[in-house]
């Protein structure tokens, strides 16, 4: 059988090669799909972890805002109001001018 192949034998060889290529392509596509599935699961877990981290960060910011920034802002508002009141009172006393002094103009 080392000699020239007949047309029937050549068709059989081509058919076997085609079948092997189809089987290998099928196995590679199955392996690719399985790999993509596992990659999807890992990425999904990573996204879920990122979501949990963002929710925790939002809770922390909310607590900090409620417990620290809110009272500090209220306290600073009171301090600002007292400062304005003191400036108003001292401004009234400081603006009294003696008769005979020239104005800035």
C-alpha atoms as a PDB file:
ATOM      1  CA  UNK A   1       0.000   0.000   0.000  1.00  0.00           C
ATOM      2  CA  UNK A   2       2.922   2.294  -0.302  1.00  0.00           C
ATOM      3  CA  UNK A   3       2.211   2.995  -3.909  1.00  0.00           C
ATOM      4  CA  UNK A   4      -0.252   5.493  -5.366  1.00  0.00           C
ATOM      5  CA  UNK A   5      -3.637   5.746  -3.692  1.00  0.00           C
ATOM      6  CA  UNK A   6      -6.829   5.154  -5.500  1.00  0.00           C
ATOM      7  CA  UNK A   7      -9.525   7.758  -5.487  1.00  0.00           C
ATOM      8  CA  UNK A   8     -11.534   5.796  -2.943  1.00  0.00           C
ATOM      9  CA  UNK A   9      -8.564   5.405  -0.592  1.00  0.00           C
ATOM     10  CA  UNK A  10      -7.748   9.107  -0.915  1.00  0.00           C
ATOM     11  CA  UNK A  11     -11.351   9.991  -0.047  1.00  0.00           C
ATOM     12  CA  UNK A  12     -11.168   7.731   3.027  1.00  0.00           C
ATOM     13  CA  UNK A  13      -7.931   9.427   4.192  1.00  0.00           C
ATOM     14  CA  UNK A  14      -9.385  12.888   3.663  1.00  0.00           C
ATOM     15  CA  UNK A  15     -12.537  11.824   5.535  1.00  0.00           C
ATOM     16  CA  UNK A  16     -10.520  10.535   8.502  1.00  0.00           C
ATOM     17  CA  UNK A  17      -8.439  13.736   8.627  1.00  0.00           C
ATOM     18  CA  UNK A  18     -11.634  15.813   8.448  1.00  0.00           C
ATOM     19  CA  UNK A  19     -13.209  13.785  11.261  1.00  0.00           C
ATOM     20  CA  UNK A  20     -10.121  14.195  13.458  1.00  0.00           C
ATOM     21  CA  UNK A  21     -10.085  17.967  12.843  1.00  0.00           C
ATOM     22  CA  UNK A  22     -13.807  18.226  13.686  1.00  0.00           C
ATOM     23  CA  UNK A  23     -13.344  16.212  16.893  1.00  0.00           C
ATOM     24  CA  UNK A  24     -10.331  18.298  17.970  1.00  0.00           C
ATOM     25  CA  UNK A  25     -12.187  21.542  17.200  1.00  0.00           C
ATOM     26  CA  UNK A  26     -15.187  20.304  19.202  1.00  0.00           C
ATOM     27  CA  UNK A  27     -12.998  19.387  22.197  1.00  0.00           C
ATOM     28  CA  UNK A  28     -11.210  22.746  22.027  1.00  0.00           C
ATOM     29  CA  UNK A  29     -14.524  24.616  21.930  1.00  0.00           C
ATOM     30  CA  UNK A  30     -15.780  22.617  24.947  1.00  0.00           C
ATOM     31  CA  UNK A  31     -12.551  23.437  26.828  1.00  0.00           C
ATOM     32  CA  UNK A  32     -12.916  27.107  25.868  1.00  0.00           C
ATOM     33  CA  UNK A  33     -16.513  27.212  27.097  1.00  0.00           C
ATOM     34  CA  UNK A  34     -15.556  25.581  30.404  1.00  0.00           C
ATOM     35  CA  UNK A  35     -12.691  28.071  30.805  1.00  0.00           C
ATOM     36  CA  UNK A  36     -14.993  30.996  30.058  1.00  0.00           C
ATOM     37  CA  UNK A  37     -17.506  29.690  32.591  1.00  0.00           C
ATOM     38  CA  UNK A  38     -14.890  29.559  35.340  1.00  0.00           C
ATOM     39  CA  UNK A  39     -13.610  32.992  34.335  1.00  0.00           C
ATOM     40  CA  UNK A  40     -17.172  34.339  34.553  1.00  0.00           C
ATOM     41  CA  UNK A  41     -17.583  32.865  38.032  1.00  0.00           C
ATOM     42  CA  UNK A  42     -14.338  34.451  39.237  1.00  0.00           C
ATOM     43  CA  UNK A  43     -15.208  37.842  37.777  1.00  0.00           C
ATOM     44  CA  UNK A  44     -18.699  37.592  39.258  1.00  0.00           C
ATOM     45  CA  UNK A  45     -17.213  36.917  42.695  1.00  0.00           C
ATOM     46  CA  UNK A  46     -14.866  39.872  42.257  1.00  0.00           C
ATOM     47  CA  UNK A  47     -17.739  42.176  41.306  1.00  0.00           C
ATOM     48  CA  UNK A  48     -19.787  40.953  44.288  1.00  0.00           C
ATOM     49  CA  UNK A  49     -16.849  41.648  46.612  1.00  0.00           C
ATOM     50  CA  UNK A  50     -16.510  45.137  45.133  1.00  0.00           C
ATOM     51  CA  UNK A  51     -20.226  45.754  45.691  1.00  0.00           C
ATOM     52  CA  UNK A  52     -19.951  44.654  49.324  1.00  0.00           C
ATOM     53  CA  UNK A  53     -16.936  46.918  49.800  1.00  0.00           C
ATOM     54  CA  UNK A  54     -18.822  49.875  48.336  1.00  0.00           C
ATOM     55  CA  UNK A  55     -21.826  49.200  50.581  1.00  0.00           C
ATOM     56  CA  UNK A  56     -19.549  49.042  53.633  1.00  0.00           C
ATOM     57  CA  UNK A  57     -17.869  52.286  52.588  1.00  0.00           C
ATOM     58  CA  UNK A  58     -21.264  53.943  52.163  1.00  0.00           C
ATOM     59  CA  UNK A  59     -22.296  52.802  55.639  1.00  0.00           C
ATOM     60  CA  UNK A  60     -19.056  54.109  57.145  1.00  0.00           C
ATOM     61  CA  UNK A  61     -19.457  57.479  55.419  1.00  0.00           C
ATOM     62  CA  UNK A  62     -23.060  57.667  56.579  1.00  0.00           C
ATOM     63  CA  UNK A  63     -22.083  56.953  60.186  1.00  0.00           C
ATOM     64  CA  UNK A  64     -19.225  59.455  60.066  1.00  0.00           C
ATOM     65  CA  UNK A  65     -21.509  62.054  58.517  1.00  0.00           C
ATOM     66  CA  UNK A  66     -24.266  61.477  61.063  1.00  0.00           C
ATOM     67  CA  UNK A  67     -22.168  61.131  64.194  1.00  0.00           C
ATOM     68  CA  UNK A  68     -19.251  63.497  63.567  1.00  0.00           C
ATOM     69  CA  UNK A  69     -19.819  65.950  60.746  1.00  0.00           C
ATOM     70  CA  UNK A  70     -23.425  66.804  61.682  1.00  0.00           C
ATOM     71  CA  UNK A  71     -22.699  67.838  65.269  1.00  0.00           C
ATOM     72  CA  UNK A  72     -19.497  69.586  64.211  1.00  0.00           C
ATOM     73  CA  UNK A  73     -21.395  71.587  61.597  1.00  0.00           C
ATOM     74  CA  UNK A  74     -24.043  72.519  64.143  1.00  0.00           C
ATOM     75  CA  UNK A  75     -21.358  73.575  66.606  1.00  0.00           C
ATOM     76  CA  UNK A  76     -19.568  75.630  63.992  1.00  0.00           C
ATOM     77  CA  UNK A  77     -22.858  77.327  63.098  1.00  0.00           C
ATOM     78  CA  UNK A  78     -23.349  78.305  66.729  1.00  0.00           C
ATOM     79  CA  UNK A  79     -19.753  79.543  66.934  1.00  0.00           C
ATOM     80  CA  UNK A  80     -20.235  81.523  63.730  1.00  0.00           C
ATOM     81  CA  UNK A  81     -23.409  83.116  65.089  1.00  0.00           C
ATOM     82  CA  UNK A  82     -21.742  84.007  68.381  1.00  0.00           C
ATOM     83  CA  UNK A  83     -18.804  85.491  66.502  1.00  0.00           C
ATOM     84  CA  UNK A  84     -21.124  87.645  64.424  1.00  0.00           C
ATOM     85  CA  UNK A  85     -22.975  88.758  67.550  1.00  0.00           C
ATOM     86  CA  UNK A  86     -19.716  89.691  69.288  1.00  0.00           C
ATOM     87  CA  UNK A  87     -18.514  91.510  66.172  1.00  0.00           C
ATOM     88  CA  UNK A  88     -21.784  93.396  65.988  1.00  0.00           C
ATOM     89  CA  UNK A  89     -21.616  94.421  69.649  1.00  0.00           C
ATOM     90  CA  UNK A  90     -17.943  95.419  69.520  1.00  0.00           C
ATOM     91  CA  UNK A  91     -18.544  97.134  66.199  1.00  0.00           C
ATOM     92  CA  UNK A  92     -21.125  99.403  67.778  1.00  0.00           C
ATOM     93  CA  UNK A  93     -18.690 100.437  70.473  1.00  0.00           C
ATOM     94  CA  UNK A  94     -15.749 100.787  68.091  1.00  0.00           C
ATOM     95  CA  UNK A  95     -17.603 102.971  65.602  1.00  0.00           C
ATOM     96  CA  UNK A  96     -18.470 105.676  68.124  1.00  0.00           C
ATOM     97  CA  UNK A  97     -16.312 108.570  67.149  1.00  0.00           C
ATOM     98  CA  UNK A  98     -15.484 111.583  69.117  1.00  0.00           C
ATOM     99  CA  UNK A  99     -16.829 114.830  67.847  1.00  0.00           C
ATOM    100  CA  UNK A 100     -14.364 116.674  65.716  1.00  0.00           C
ATOM    101  CA  UNK A 101     -12.548 113.630  64.281  1.00  0.00           C
ATOM    102  CA  UNK A 102     -12.394 113.496  60.516  1.00  0.00           C
ATOM    103  CA  UNK A 103     -13.897 110.629  58.621  1.00  0.00           C
ATOM    104  CA  UNK A 104     -11.963 108.432  56.196  1.00  0.00           C
ATOM    105  CA  UNK A 105     -13.177 110.381  53.182  1.00  0.00           C
END
